[in-house]
Amino acid sequence: MTSSSSTPAPSGVVTRFAPSPTGFLHIGGARTALFNWLYARHTGGKFLIRVEDTDRERSTEAAVKAIFDGLDWLGLKSDEEPVFQYSRADRHRQVVEEMLAAGHAYRCWMSVEDLALAREAARAGGPALRSPWRDGPQPNDPTAPHVIRFKGPLTGTTLVDDMVKGPVTFNNTDLDDLVLLRADGAPTYNLAVVVDDHDMGVTHVIRGDDHLNNAARQSLIYQAMGWTLPAFAHIPLIHGPDGAKLSKRHGAQAVSEFADMGYLPEGLRNYLARLGWGHGDDEVFSDAQAVDWFDVKDVVKAPARLDWAKLNHINSQH
């Protein structure tokens, strides 16, 4: 096993915040980072940061700096050197070679046209995408450009026993044979996340509930590799005061904007902790109290709403 983790956490709990550097640190991302940090502190564990910069076209140095500036201002620092996902591509490819050798992955030479037809059939209510190369013979020219796909189970179910959502069951017929390596050899998101979480010793994956479907696919990769699954906790997204998904029309979105508007980091930490989690009727509390009280199992399932009046009140108390 290749590990970027050094000293083990006293409690064994390891959480991580894994932003993609394609823009500023969004308020929703900041709350995800805070929940990971709080849970690590509450359990005596470790909080790590991994920059998911495999999308080379959209990842920028300016965005990396903006994310770390936002996290530093909020006081959420990694307990170890941050990991940059792109630098680990060789390790990701090594795992795919292991899956190929074990029969958990296969080479796929589907053309763009064939792929479009298969996706259309899946959208029309057919089974999830399965390549004809899954169990078929090799092509005349095996060196022709191709991708490597995960060979998922065709029957049965996959259970994600989520700490927030509860047990969620997925039919394996609905989970496509996802691409692990693109034709240029670049690892895909779902592969890289699993390998990095495993190698970093991550025990609890706390992230937005827009990743719940990914958890099923990632669970299958863990199982194929014979690795221990982390505990999953998918937290609801933050909505605007009108109940719609948070957007520019609701006002500030970036942590830097809140800083520029004069909010205090301790005030914003206090308020963000209350978005989707609470301790009785306590509105205003210290970091020490939040660490003492916080448990990800107490996060509610419903989306939280950004309430400017409440934010202003809590900030004023700090």
Protein backbone atom coordinates (compact mmCIF):
# COMPACT_ATOMS: atom_id res chain seq x y z
CA MET A 1 0.00 0.00 0.00
CA THR A 2 1.21 3.47 -0.85
CA SER A 3 0.34 5.85 1.94
CA SER A 4 0.57 9.61 2.24
CA SER A 5 -0.52 9.36 5.85
CA SER A 6 2.18 9.63 8.52
CA THR A 7 1.33 9.43 12.21
CA PRO A 8 -1.95 7.64 12.88
CA ALA A 9 -4.77 9.58 14.50
CA PRO A 10 -5.14 8.71 18.22
CA SER A 11 -8.78 7.73 17.71
CA GLY A 12 -8.22 6.24 14.28
CA VAL A 13 -10.71 8.70 12.73
CA VAL A 14 -9.48 10.49 9.61
CA THR A 15 -11.67 12.97 7.70
CA ARG A 16 -10.84 14.97 4.59
CA PHE A 17 -12.01 17.99 2.64
CA ALA A 18 -11.39 17.56 -1.10
CA PRO A 19 -12.12 20.72 -3.12
CA SER A 20 -11.74 21.01 -6.90
CA PRO A 21 -9.72 24.14 -7.73
CA THR A 22 -11.99 25.45 -10.44
CA GLY A 23 -13.15 28.60 -8.59
CA PHE A 24 -13.48 30.23 -5.17
CA LEU A 25 -14.23 28.46 -1.89
CA HIS A 26 -18.03 28.33 -1.90
CA ILE A 27 -19.94 28.73 1.37
CA GLY A 28 -21.27 25.17 0.92
CA GLY A 29 -17.73 23.84 0.56
CA ALA A 30 -16.69 25.82 3.63
CA ARG A 31 -19.44 24.14 5.69
CA THR A 32 -18.37 20.71 4.41
CA ALA A 33 -14.79 21.49 5.46
CA LEU A 34 -16.04 22.70 8.86
CA PHE A 35 -18.09 19.54 9.48
CA ASN A 36 -15.06 17.38 8.61
CA TRP A 37 -12.84 19.50 10.88
CA LEU A 38 -15.35 19.41 13.75
CA TYR A 39 -15.83 15.64 13.53
CA ALA A 40 -12.06 15.05 13.49
CA ARG A 41 -11.62 17.33 16.53
CA HIS A 42 -14.62 15.81 18.34
CA THR A 43 -13.26 12.28 17.95
CA GLY A 44 -9.58 13.10 18.51
CA GLY A 45 -8.88 12.25 14.87
CA LYS A 46 -7.17 13.94 11.94
CA PHE A 47 -8.46 16.45 9.38
CA LEU A 48 -6.79 16.31 5.96
CA ILE A 49 -7.08 18.36 2.75
CA ARG A 50 -6.78 16.94 -0.76
CA VAL A 51 -6.92 19.18 -3.82
CA GLU A 52 -8.74 17.32 -6.61
CA ASP A 53 -6.95 18.91 -9.54
CA THR A 54 -7.22 16.14 -12.13
CA ASP A 55 -9.30 18.41 -14.42
CA ARG A 56 -6.26 20.18 -15.85
CA GLU A 57 -8.25 22.46 -18.14
CA ARG A 58 -10.34 23.95 -15.33
CA SER A 59 -7.92 23.75 -12.38
CA THR A 60 -5.98 26.99 -11.86
CA GLU A 61 -3.29 28.18 -9.47
CA ALA A 62 -5.47 31.20 -8.65
CA ALA A 63 -8.31 28.89 -7.58
CA VAL A 64 -5.94 26.78 -5.44
CA LYS A 65 -4.76 29.97 -3.71
CA ALA A 66 -8.35 31.20 -3.25
CA ILE A 67 -9.38 27.92 -1.62
CA PHE A 68 -6.45 27.86 0.79
CA ASP A 69 -6.85 31.57 1.59
CA GLY A 70 -10.51 30.89 2.45
CA LEU A 71 -9.69 27.86 4.60
CA ASP A 72 -6.87 29.73 6.37
CA TRP A 73 -9.17 32.68 7.10
CA LEU A 74 -11.77 30.27 8.51
CA GLY A 75 -9.08 28.62 10.63
CA LEU A 76 -9.47 25.18 9.05
CA LYS A 77 -5.94 23.92 8.49
CA SER A 78 -4.95 20.41 7.46
CA ASP A 79 -3.19 18.31 10.09
CA GLU A 80 -0.74 17.16 7.40
CA GLU A 81 0.66 18.50 4.15
CA PRO A 82 -2.21 18.83 1.62
CA VAL A 83 -2.30 16.15 -1.10
CA PHE A 84 -2.61 17.13 -4.77
CA GLN A 85 -4.50 14.45 -6.67
CA TYR A 86 -2.89 15.04 -10.07
CA SER A 87 0.55 14.14 -8.67
CA ARG A 88 -0.76 10.67 -7.79
CA ALA A 89 -1.84 9.63 -11.30
CA ASP A 90 0.79 6.86 -11.50
CA ARG A 91 -0.62 5.29 -8.32
CA HIS A 92 -4.16 5.49 -9.77
CA ARG A 93 -3.00 3.69 -12.93
CA GLN A 94 -1.24 1.04 -10.83
CA VAL A 95 -4.55 0.21 -9.11
CA VAL A 96 -6.29 -0.11 -12.48
CA GLU A 97 -3.61 -2.58 -13.60
CA GLU A 98 -4.36 -4.62 -10.46
CA MET A 99 -8.09 -4.56 -11.27
CA LEU A 100 -7.42 -5.65 -14.86
CA ALA A 101 -5.31 -8.57 -13.62
CA ALA A 102 -8.01 -9.60 -11.15
CA GLY A 103 -10.82 -9.41 -13.73
CA HIS A 104 -12.49 -6.36 -12.13
CA ALA A 105 -11.81 -4.09 -15.13
CA TYR A 106 -11.68 -4.45 -18.90
CA ARG A 107 -10.51 -2.60 -22.00
CA CYS A 108 -13.23 -0.98 -24.09
CA TRP A 109 -12.88 0.07 -27.74
CA MET A 110 -16.42 1.47 -28.20
CA SER A 111 -16.62 4.18 -30.85
CA VAL A 112 -18.12 7.59 -30.13
CA GLU A 113 -21.16 6.61 -32.19
CA ASP A 114 -21.65 3.28 -30.36
CA LEU A 115 -21.29 5.06 -27.03
CA ALA A 116 -23.95 7.62 -27.97
CA LEU A 117 -26.37 4.84 -28.97
CA ALA A 118 -25.74 2.90 -25.74
CA ARG A 119 -26.31 6.02 -23.63
CA GLU A 120 -29.51 6.76 -25.52
CA ALA A 121 -30.76 3.22 -24.84
CA ALA A 122 -29.92 3.55 -21.14
CA ARG A 123 -31.77 6.90 -20.95
CA ALA A 124 -34.79 5.30 -22.64
CA GLY A 125 -35.15 2.93 -19.72
CA GLY A 126 -32.77 0.17 -20.67
CA PRO A 127 -30.04 -1.21 -18.39
CA ALA A 128 -27.08 0.95 -17.46
CA LEU A 129 -24.26 1.13 -19.98
CA ARG A 130 -22.38 -2.14 -20.54
CA SER A 131 -19.79 -2.33 -23.28
CA PRO A 132 -19.87 -5.15 -25.86
CA TRP A 133 -16.14 -5.49 -25.09
CA ARG A 134 -16.95 -6.46 -21.48
CA ASP A 135 -16.80 -10.19 -22.28
CA GLY A 136 -16.09 -10.09 -25.99
CA PRO A 137 -12.92 -10.97 -27.93
CA GLN A 138 -10.14 -8.43 -28.43
CA PRO A 139 -10.26 -6.27 -31.58
CA ASN A 140 -7.97 -6.80 -34.56
CA ASP A 141 -5.78 -3.96 -33.28
CA PRO A 142 -5.67 -4.03 -29.44
CA THR A 143 -3.29 -1.04 -29.45
CA ALA A 144 -6.03 1.19 -30.92
CA PRO A 145 -7.17 4.01 -28.57
CA HIS A 146 -9.44 2.69 -25.83
CA VAL A 147 -10.60 3.31 -22.29
CA ILE A 148 -10.53 0.99 -19.28
CA ARG A 149 -13.86 0.36 -17.58
CA PHE A 150 -14.82 -1.08 -14.22
CA LYS A 151 -16.46 -4.49 -14.50
CA GLY A 152 -19.36 -4.07 -12.11
CA PRO A 153 -21.78 -6.77 -10.94
CA LEU A 154 -24.77 -7.35 -13.24
CA THR A 155 -27.15 -8.44 -10.50
CA GLY A 156 -27.83 -7.76 -6.85
CA THR A 157 -27.74 -4.52 -4.91
CA THR A 158 -25.20 -2.18 -3.34
CA LEU A 159 -25.96 -0.75 0.10
CA VAL A 160 -24.66 2.63 1.23
CA ASP A 161 -25.25 2.76 4.99
CA ASP A 162 -25.12 6.52 5.30
CA MET A 163 -24.62 8.24 8.68
CA VAL A 164 -27.03 11.04 7.68
CA LYS A 165 -29.39 9.51 5.12
CA GLY A 166 -29.63 6.05 6.67
CA PRO A 167 -29.40 2.89 4.53
CA VAL A 168 -29.70 3.61 0.78
CA THR A 169 -29.92 0.66 -1.64
CA PHE A 170 -28.88 0.82 -5.30
CA ASN A 171 -29.72 -1.83 -7.92
CA ASN A 172 -26.49 -2.88 -9.60
CA THR A 173 -28.30 -3.00 -12.95
CA ASP A 174 -28.56 0.81 -12.66
CA LEU A 175 -24.83 1.31 -12.09
CA ASP A 176 -22.95 1.54 -15.39
CA ASP A 177 -19.47 0.15 -16.06
CA LEU A 178 -17.77 3.45 -15.35
CA VAL A 179 -14.57 4.51 -17.08
CA LEU A 180 -11.52 4.20 -14.80
CA LEU A 181 -8.85 5.39 -17.26
CA ARG A 182 -9.55 7.61 -20.24
CA ALA A 183 -8.03 6.93 -23.66
CA ASP A 184 -5.10 9.26 -22.83
CA GLY A 185 -4.41 7.31 -19.62
CA ALA A 186 -5.88 9.98 -17.34
CA PRO A 187 -7.62 8.60 -14.23
CA THR A 188 -11.28 9.51 -13.69
CA TYR A 189 -12.79 11.14 -10.62
CA ASN A 190 -14.43 8.08 -9.03
CA LEU A 191 -11.26 6.00 -9.33
CA ALA A 192 -8.92 8.69 -8.00
CA VAL A 193 -11.16 9.46 -5.03
CA VAL A 194 -11.26 5.85 -3.88
CA VAL A 195 -7.51 5.27 -4.24
CA ASP A 196 -6.63 8.53 -2.49
CA ASP A 197 -9.11 8.05 0.36
CA HIS A 198 -7.77 4.53 0.90
CA ASP A 199 -4.11 5.55 0.77
CA MET A 200 -4.68 8.57 3.04
CA GLY A 201 -6.36 6.32 5.61
CA VAL A 202 -9.65 8.22 5.41
CA THR A 203 -12.22 6.55 7.67
CA HIS A 204 -15.15 8.98 7.27
CA VAL A 205 -16.19 10.56 3.97
CA ILE A 206 -18.33 13.59 4.87
CA ARG A 207 -19.48 15.50 1.77
CA GLY A 208 -22.50 17.00 -0.01
CA ASP A 209 -25.43 14.74 -0.80
CA ASP A 210 -24.96 15.41 -4.51
CA HIS A 211 -22.26 12.70 -4.17
CA LEU A 212 -24.61 10.01 -2.87
CA ASN A 213 -24.80 8.21 -6.24
CA ASN A 214 -21.00 8.26 -6.44
CA ALA A 215 -20.86 6.45 -3.09
CA ALA A 216 -22.47 3.36 -4.64
CA ARG A 217 -19.98 3.27 -7.53
CA GLN A 218 -17.06 3.95 -5.21
CA SER A 219 -18.22 1.20 -2.82
CA LEU A 220 -17.96 -1.32 -5.67
CA ILE A 221 -14.37 -0.24 -6.37
CA TYR A 222 -13.48 -0.62 -2.68
CA GLN A 223 -14.97 -4.11 -2.68
CA ALA A 224 -13.18 -5.09 -5.89
CA MET A 225 -9.85 -4.09 -4.32
CA GLY A 226 -10.64 -5.84 -1.03
CA TRP A 227 -10.31 -2.55 0.87
CA THR A 228 -12.26 -1.53 3.97
CA LEU A 229 -15.05 0.91 3.13
CA PRO A 230 -15.09 4.27 4.91
CA ALA A 231 -18.19 5.44 6.72
CA PHE A 232 -20.20 7.73 4.41
CA ALA A 233 -22.08 10.83 5.55
CA HIS A 234 -23.83 12.83 2.83
CA ILE A 235 -24.94 16.21 4.12
CA PRO A 236 -27.77 18.22 2.53
CA LEU A 237 -26.93 21.21 0.38
CA ILE A 238 -27.42 24.83 1.45
CA HIS A 239 -30.36 26.63 -0.17
CA GLY A 240 -31.17 30.31 -0.39
CA PRO A 241 -33.80 31.96 1.85
CA ASP A 242 -36.44 31.15 -0.82
CA GLY A 243 -35.68 27.42 -0.70
CA ALA A 244 -34.01 27.35 -4.12
CA LYS A 245 -30.44 26.12 -4.64
CA LEU A 246 -27.97 28.78 -3.52
CA SER A 247 -26.93 31.04 -6.40
CA LYS A 248 -25.57 34.52 -7.14
CA ARG A 249 -29.02 36.08 -6.82
CA HIS A 250 -29.02 35.17 -3.11
CA GLY A 251 -25.97 37.39 -2.50
CA ALA A 252 -22.48 36.41 -1.31
CA GLN A 253 -21.34 32.89 -2.10
CA ALA A 254 -17.55 32.95 -1.67
CA VAL A 255 -15.95 32.85 1.77
CA SER A 256 -13.77 35.79 0.69
CA GLU A 257 -16.92 37.87 0.12
CA PHE A 258 -18.08 37.23 3.68
CA ALA A 259 -14.63 38.28 4.92
CA ASP A 260 -14.76 41.46 2.81
CA MET A 261 -18.21 42.26 4.23
CA GLY A 262 -16.76 42.29 7.74
CA TYR A 263 -17.93 38.95 9.09
CA LEU A 264 -15.63 37.36 11.66
CA PRO A 265 -14.24 33.85 11.05
CA GLU A 266 -15.51 32.70 14.46
CA GLY A 267 -18.93 34.16 13.68
CA LEU A 268 -19.11 32.44 10.32
CA ARG A 269 -17.88 29.14 11.82
CA ASN A 270 -20.61 29.36 14.46
CA TYR A 271 -23.29 30.11 11.87
CA LEU A 272 -22.15 27.45 9.39
CA ALA A 273 -22.14 24.83 12.15
CA ARG A 274 -25.82 25.63 12.73
CA LEU A 275 -26.70 25.06 9.06
CA GLY A 276 -28.03 21.52 9.15
CA TRP A 277 -26.78 20.69 12.65
CA GLY A 278 -27.63 21.96 16.08
CA HIS A 279 -27.31 21.39 19.81
CA GLY A 280 -30.73 21.94 21.33
CA ASP A 281 -31.68 25.63 21.20
CA ASP A 282 -28.08 26.84 21.40
CA GLU A 283 -27.51 29.53 18.76
CA VAL A 284 -24.28 31.19 19.86
CA PHE A 285 -21.41 28.99 20.99
CA SER A 286 -17.62 28.78 21.02
CA ASP A 287 -15.39 26.53 18.92
CA ALA A 288 -14.68 24.45 22.02
CA GLN A 289 -18.41 23.89 22.59
CA ALA A 290 -18.95 23.02 18.90
CA VAL A 291 -16.12 20.47 19.04
CA ASP A 292 -17.53 19.00 22.25
CA TRP A 293 -21.08 18.72 20.92
CA PHE A 294 -20.68 17.93 17.21
CA ASP A 295 -21.51 14.51 15.82
CA VAL A 296 -22.14 14.01 12.11
CA LYS A 297 -24.96 11.56 12.97
CA ASP A 298 -26.93 14.58 14.26
CA VAL A 299 -26.91 16.37 10.88
CA VAL A 300 -30.46 16.69 9.55
CA LYS A 301 -31.57 15.25 6.19
CA ALA A 302 -33.37 18.36 4.89
CA PRO A 303 -31.50 21.16 3.06
CA ALA A 304 -30.48 24.11 5.25
CA ARG A 305 -31.48 27.67 4.34
CA LEU A 306 -29.14 30.63 4.44
CA ASP A 307 -30.67 33.17 6.85
CA TRP A 308 -28.93 36.55 6.67
CA ALA A 309 -30.65 37.94 9.78
CA LYS A 310 -29.53 34.96 11.87
CA LEU A 311 -26.00 35.17 10.45
CA ASN A 312 -25.82 38.87 11.34
CA HIS A 313 -27.12 38.19 14.87
CA ILE A 314 -24.63 35.36 15.52
CA ASN A 315 -21.75 37.36 14.04
CA SER A 316 -22.60 40.35 16.25
CA GLN A 317 -22.36 38.12 19.34
CA HIS A 318 -18.75 37.32 18.45
